[in-house]
Amino acid sequence: MPITLTDIITRAEGVLSAEIFEETVLMSEANGRYYCLTETSQEIWKQLDRPLATNELLQTMSEKYEVPTSAIEADVVAFLEHFKEKGLITVKNTTAE
């Protein structure tokens, strides 16, 4: 099921995070892989330190980068879908309840 604007996104259990020389590196205990984050993905990861609705994340990113949410929605959702596929985040679908 695709991520929607009302879904609640959180960091998955067992994902370790460290900042190394201004880069954020993630390590998934579940799949034993490391991931290096770019500046924008670092900001998304930082925002996910608490459960957050997709639309709230978009609003925060919109304000930080001074762009309309419509201009970043596809990229942010694609990032979240990728991290969901890798098991780095969990998604709670609020429309199915």
N, C-alpha and C. Protein backbone atom coordinates (compact mmCIF):
# COMPACT_ATOMS: atom_id res chain seq x y z
N MET A 1 0.84 -1.17 0.00
CA MET A 1 0.00 0.00 0.00
C MET A 1 0.89 1.25 0.00
N PRO A 2 0.67 2.18 -0.91
CA PRO A 2 1.48 3.39 -0.97
C PRO A 2 1.29 4.28 0.26
N ILE A 3 2.31 5.03 0.57
CA ILE A 3 2.26 5.97 1.69
C ILE A 3 1.34 7.12 1.34
N THR A 4 0.46 7.47 2.29
CA THR A 4 -0.45 8.60 2.08
C THR A 4 -0.04 9.76 2.96
N LEU A 5 -0.67 10.91 2.76
CA LEU A 5 -0.33 12.11 3.51
C LEU A 5 -0.70 12.02 4.98
N THR A 6 -1.64 11.15 5.32
CA THR A 6 -2.05 11.04 6.72
C THR A 6 -1.37 9.89 7.46
N ASP A 7 -0.60 9.08 6.76
CA ASP A 7 0.11 7.97 7.41
C ASP A 7 1.10 8.51 8.44
N ILE A 8 1.28 7.75 9.52
CA ILE A 8 2.23 8.10 10.57
C ILE A 8 3.53 7.34 10.32
N ILE A 9 4.61 8.08 10.21
CA ILE A 9 5.92 7.51 9.90
C ILE A 9 6.79 7.54 11.16
N THR A 10 7.49 6.44 11.42
CA THR A 10 8.44 6.39 12.53
C THR A 10 9.68 5.63 12.10
N ARG A 11 10.75 5.85 12.81
CA ARG A 11 11.97 5.07 12.58
C ARG A 11 11.70 3.64 13.04
N ALA A 12 12.20 2.69 12.30
CA ALA A 12 12.02 1.29 12.67
C ALA A 12 12.92 0.91 13.84
N GLU A 13 12.46 -0.03 14.64
CA GLU A 13 13.29 -0.57 15.72
C GLU A 13 14.52 -1.24 15.10
N GLY A 14 15.63 -1.17 15.79
CA GLY A 14 16.83 -1.85 15.33
C GLY A 14 17.60 -1.13 14.25
N VAL A 15 17.32 0.16 14.05
CA VAL A 15 18.10 0.95 13.10
C VAL A 15 18.96 1.90 13.93
N LEU A 16 20.26 1.72 13.82
CA LEU A 16 21.20 2.56 14.55
C LEU A 16 21.60 3.74 13.68
N SER A 17 21.83 4.87 14.32
CA SER A 17 22.14 6.09 13.60
C SER A 17 23.32 6.77 14.26
N ALA A 18 24.26 7.26 13.44
CA ALA A 18 25.41 7.99 13.97
C ALA A 18 25.81 9.08 12.99
N GLU A 19 26.28 10.19 13.55
CA GLU A 19 26.81 11.27 12.71
C GLU A 19 28.33 11.14 12.68
N ILE A 20 28.86 11.07 11.47
CA ILE A 20 30.30 10.91 11.27
C ILE A 20 30.75 11.95 10.26
N PHE A 21 31.54 12.89 10.70
CA PHE A 21 32.05 13.94 9.82
C PHE A 21 30.94 14.60 9.01
N GLU A 22 29.92 15.08 9.70
CA GLU A 22 28.79 15.79 9.11
C GLU A 22 27.90 14.92 8.21
N GLU A 23 28.09 13.63 8.23
CA GLU A 23 27.22 12.70 7.51
C GLU A 23 26.48 11.85 8.53
N THR A 24 25.29 11.46 8.17
CA THR A 24 24.54 10.53 9.01
C THR A 24 24.63 9.15 8.37
N VAL A 25 25.01 8.18 9.18
CA VAL A 25 25.12 6.80 8.72
C VAL A 25 24.14 5.97 9.52
N LEU A 26 23.35 5.16 8.81
CA LEU A 26 22.40 4.27 9.44
C LEU A 26 22.89 2.84 9.29
N MET A 27 22.58 2.03 10.28
CA MET A 27 22.88 0.60 10.19
C MET A 27 21.65 -0.16 10.62
N SER A 28 21.18 -1.01 9.74
CA SER A 28 20.01 -1.83 10.04
C SER A 28 20.48 -3.15 10.64
N GLU A 29 20.04 -3.39 11.87
CA GLU A 29 20.36 -4.67 12.50
C GLU A 29 19.65 -5.81 11.78
N ALA A 30 18.48 -5.54 11.22
CA ALA A 30 17.69 -6.59 10.56
C ALA A 30 18.35 -7.11 9.29
N ASN A 31 18.93 -6.21 8.48
CA ASN A 31 19.52 -6.69 7.23
C ASN A 31 21.04 -6.51 7.17
N GLY A 32 21.64 -5.96 8.24
CA GLY A 32 23.09 -5.85 8.31
C GLY A 32 23.70 -4.88 7.32
N ARG A 33 22.92 -3.95 6.82
CA ARG A 33 23.41 -2.99 5.82
C ARG A 33 23.58 -1.60 6.42
N TYR A 34 24.48 -0.86 5.78
CA TYR A 34 24.73 0.53 6.16
C TYR A 34 24.17 1.44 5.08
N TYR A 35 23.73 2.62 5.49
CA TYR A 35 23.18 3.61 4.57
C TYR A 35 23.75 4.98 4.94
N CYS A 36 24.28 5.69 3.96
CA CYS A 36 24.77 7.06 4.17
C CYS A 36 23.71 8.01 3.62
N LEU A 37 23.38 9.02 4.41
CA LEU A 37 22.33 9.94 4.02
C LEU A 37 22.89 11.24 3.47
N THR A 38 22.22 11.77 2.46
CA THR A 38 22.56 13.08 1.91
C THR A 38 22.01 14.15 2.84
N GLU A 39 22.31 15.39 2.55
CA GLU A 39 21.86 16.49 3.41
C GLU A 39 20.35 16.50 3.58
N THR A 40 19.61 16.36 2.49
CA THR A 40 18.15 16.40 2.58
C THR A 40 17.61 15.18 3.30
N SER A 41 18.14 14.01 2.99
CA SER A 41 17.65 12.81 3.68
C SER A 41 18.04 12.82 5.15
N GLN A 42 19.16 13.47 5.49
CA GLN A 42 19.52 13.64 6.90
C GLN A 42 18.44 14.43 7.62
N GLU A 43 17.94 15.48 6.99
CA GLU A 43 16.91 16.31 7.60
C GLU A 43 15.62 15.52 7.79
N ILE A 44 15.25 14.71 6.81
CA ILE A 44 14.06 13.88 6.96
C ILE A 44 14.24 12.91 8.12
N TRP A 45 15.39 12.25 8.18
CA TRP A 45 15.67 11.30 9.25
C TRP A 45 15.61 11.99 10.61
N LYS A 46 16.17 13.18 10.69
CA LYS A 46 16.14 13.95 11.93
C LYS A 46 14.71 14.22 12.37
N GLN A 47 13.85 14.57 11.44
CA GLN A 47 12.45 14.87 11.76
C GLN A 47 11.70 13.63 12.26
N LEU A 48 12.16 12.45 11.86
CA LEU A 48 11.48 11.21 12.24
C LEU A 48 11.94 10.69 13.61
N ASP A 49 12.49 11.57 14.44
CA ASP A 49 12.87 11.16 15.78
C ASP A 49 11.65 10.96 16.67
N ARG A 50 10.49 11.30 16.13
CA ARG A 50 9.21 11.06 16.79
C ARG A 50 8.20 10.68 15.70
N PRO A 51 7.12 9.98 16.05
CA PRO A 51 6.11 9.67 15.04
C PRO A 51 5.57 10.95 14.41
N LEU A 52 5.44 10.93 13.09
CA LEU A 52 5.07 12.13 12.36
C LEU A 52 4.22 11.76 11.15
N ALA A 53 3.14 12.49 10.94
CA ALA A 53 2.32 12.28 9.74
C ALA A 53 3.09 12.78 8.52
N THR A 54 2.88 12.13 7.40
CA THR A 54 3.56 12.51 6.17
C THR A 54 3.33 13.98 5.85
N ASN A 55 2.09 14.45 6.00
CA ASN A 55 1.82 15.85 5.67
C ASN A 55 2.54 16.81 6.62
N GLU A 56 2.74 16.42 7.88
CA GLU A 56 3.51 17.26 8.81
C GLU A 56 4.98 17.32 8.40
N LEU A 57 5.51 16.19 7.98
CA LEU A 57 6.89 16.14 7.50
C LEU A 57 7.05 17.04 6.28
N LEU A 58 6.11 16.95 5.36
CA LEU A 58 6.16 17.80 4.17
C LEU A 58 6.13 19.28 4.53
N GLN A 59 5.29 19.64 5.48
CA GLN A 59 5.19 21.04 5.90
C GLN A 59 6.51 21.52 6.50
N THR A 60 7.11 20.70 7.35
CA THR A 60 8.39 21.05 7.97
C THR A 60 9.47 21.23 6.92
N MET A 61 9.54 20.29 5.97
CA MET A 61 10.55 20.37 4.92
C MET A 61 10.30 21.58 4.01
N SER A 62 9.04 21.86 3.74
CA SER A 62 8.67 23.01 2.93
C SER A 62 9.16 24.31 3.56
N GLU A 63 8.94 24.43 4.85
CA GLU A 63 9.38 25.63 5.57
C GLU A 63 10.90 25.73 5.62
N LYS A 64 11.57 24.62 5.88
CA LYS A 64 13.03 24.64 5.99
C LYS A 64 13.68 25.03 4.67
N TYR A 65 13.20 24.48 3.57
CA TYR A 65 13.83 24.73 2.27
C TYR A 65 13.12 25.82 1.46
N GLU A 66 12.09 26.41 2.06
CA GLU A 66 11.36 27.52 1.45
C GLU A 66 10.87 27.20 0.04
N VAL A 67 10.18 26.05 -0.05
CA VAL A 67 9.55 25.63 -1.30
C VAL A 67 8.15 25.14 -0.99
N PRO A 68 7.24 25.22 -1.96
CA PRO A 68 5.89 24.72 -1.70
C PRO A 68 5.89 23.20 -1.49
N THR A 69 4.97 22.73 -0.65
CA THR A 69 4.90 21.29 -0.40
C THR A 69 4.64 20.52 -1.70
N SER A 70 3.90 21.12 -2.61
CA SER A 70 3.61 20.44 -3.88
C SER A 70 4.89 20.19 -4.69
N ALA A 71 5.91 21.01 -4.48
CA ALA A 71 7.16 20.86 -5.22
C ALA A 71 8.04 19.73 -4.67
N ILE A 72 7.81 19.34 -3.41
CA ILE A 72 8.67 18.31 -2.81
C ILE A 72 7.94 17.02 -2.47
N GLU A 73 6.62 17.03 -2.58
CA GLU A 73 5.83 15.88 -2.14
C GLU A 73 6.28 14.57 -2.80
N ALA A 74 6.41 14.56 -4.10
CA ALA A 74 6.77 13.32 -4.80
C ALA A 74 8.12 12.79 -4.35
N ASP A 75 9.11 13.68 -4.19
CA ASP A 75 10.44 13.26 -3.77
C ASP A 75 10.47 12.75 -2.34
N VAL A 76 9.78 13.43 -1.45
CA VAL A 76 9.76 13.01 -0.04
C VAL A 76 9.04 11.67 0.09
N VAL A 77 7.91 11.52 -0.57
CA VAL A 77 7.18 10.25 -0.51
C VAL A 77 8.01 9.13 -1.12
N ALA A 78 8.72 9.40 -2.22
CA ALA A 78 9.58 8.37 -2.83
C ALA A 78 10.69 7.96 -1.86
N PHE A 79 11.26 8.94 -1.16
CA PHE A 79 12.28 8.64 -0.15
C PHE A 79 11.70 7.75 0.94
N LEU A 80 10.52 8.10 1.43
CA LEU A 80 9.87 7.31 2.48
C LEU A 80 9.56 5.90 1.99
N GLU A 81 9.07 5.78 0.76
CA GLU A 81 8.78 4.45 0.19
C GLU A 81 10.05 3.61 0.12
N HIS A 82 11.16 4.23 -0.28
CA HIS A 82 12.44 3.52 -0.37
C HIS A 82 12.88 3.03 1.01
N PHE A 83 12.79 3.90 2.01
CA PHE A 83 13.19 3.51 3.35
C PHE A 83 12.23 2.49 3.96
N LYS A 84 10.98 2.56 3.59
CA LYS A 84 10.00 1.55 4.04
C LYS A 84 10.38 0.19 3.46
N GLU A 85 10.72 0.17 2.18
CA GLU A 85 11.12 -1.07 1.50
C GLU A 85 12.37 -1.68 2.15
N LYS A 86 13.28 -0.84 2.60
CA LYS A 86 14.52 -1.31 3.24
C LYS A 86 14.32 -1.66 4.72
N GLY A 87 13.13 -1.38 5.25
CA GLY A 87 12.85 -1.70 6.65
C GLY A 87 13.42 -0.69 7.63
N LEU A 88 13.72 0.52 7.17
CA LEU A 88 14.30 1.54 8.03
C LEU A 88 13.25 2.40 8.73
N ILE A 89 12.03 2.40 8.20
CA ILE A 89 10.93 3.12 8.83
C ILE A 89 9.71 2.21 8.89
N THR A 90 8.79 2.57 9.76
CA THR A 90 7.50 1.89 9.78
C THR A 90 6.42 2.91 9.44
N VAL A 91 5.37 2.41 8.82
CA VAL A 91 4.28 3.27 8.37
C VAL A 91 2.97 2.75 8.96
N LYS A 92 2.28 3.62 9.66
CA LYS A 92 0.97 3.26 10.20
C LYS A 92 -0.07 3.96 9.34
N ASN A 93 -0.85 3.15 8.62
CA ASN A 93 -1.88 3.69 7.75
C ASN A 93 -3.08 4.09 8.58
N THR A 94 -3.39 5.36 8.60
CA THR A 94 -4.49 5.86 9.43
C THR A 94 -5.84 5.78 8.72
N THR A 95 -5.85 5.61 7.40
CA THR A 95 -7.11 5.55 6.69
C THR A 95 -7.75 4.17 6.78
N ALA A 96 -6.96 3.16 7.15
CA ALA A 96 -7.49 1.79 7.23
C ALA A 96 -8.16 1.51 8.57
N GLU A 97 -8.07 2.45 9.50
CA GLU A 97 -8.64 2.21 10.83
C GLU A 97 -10.09 2.55 10.90
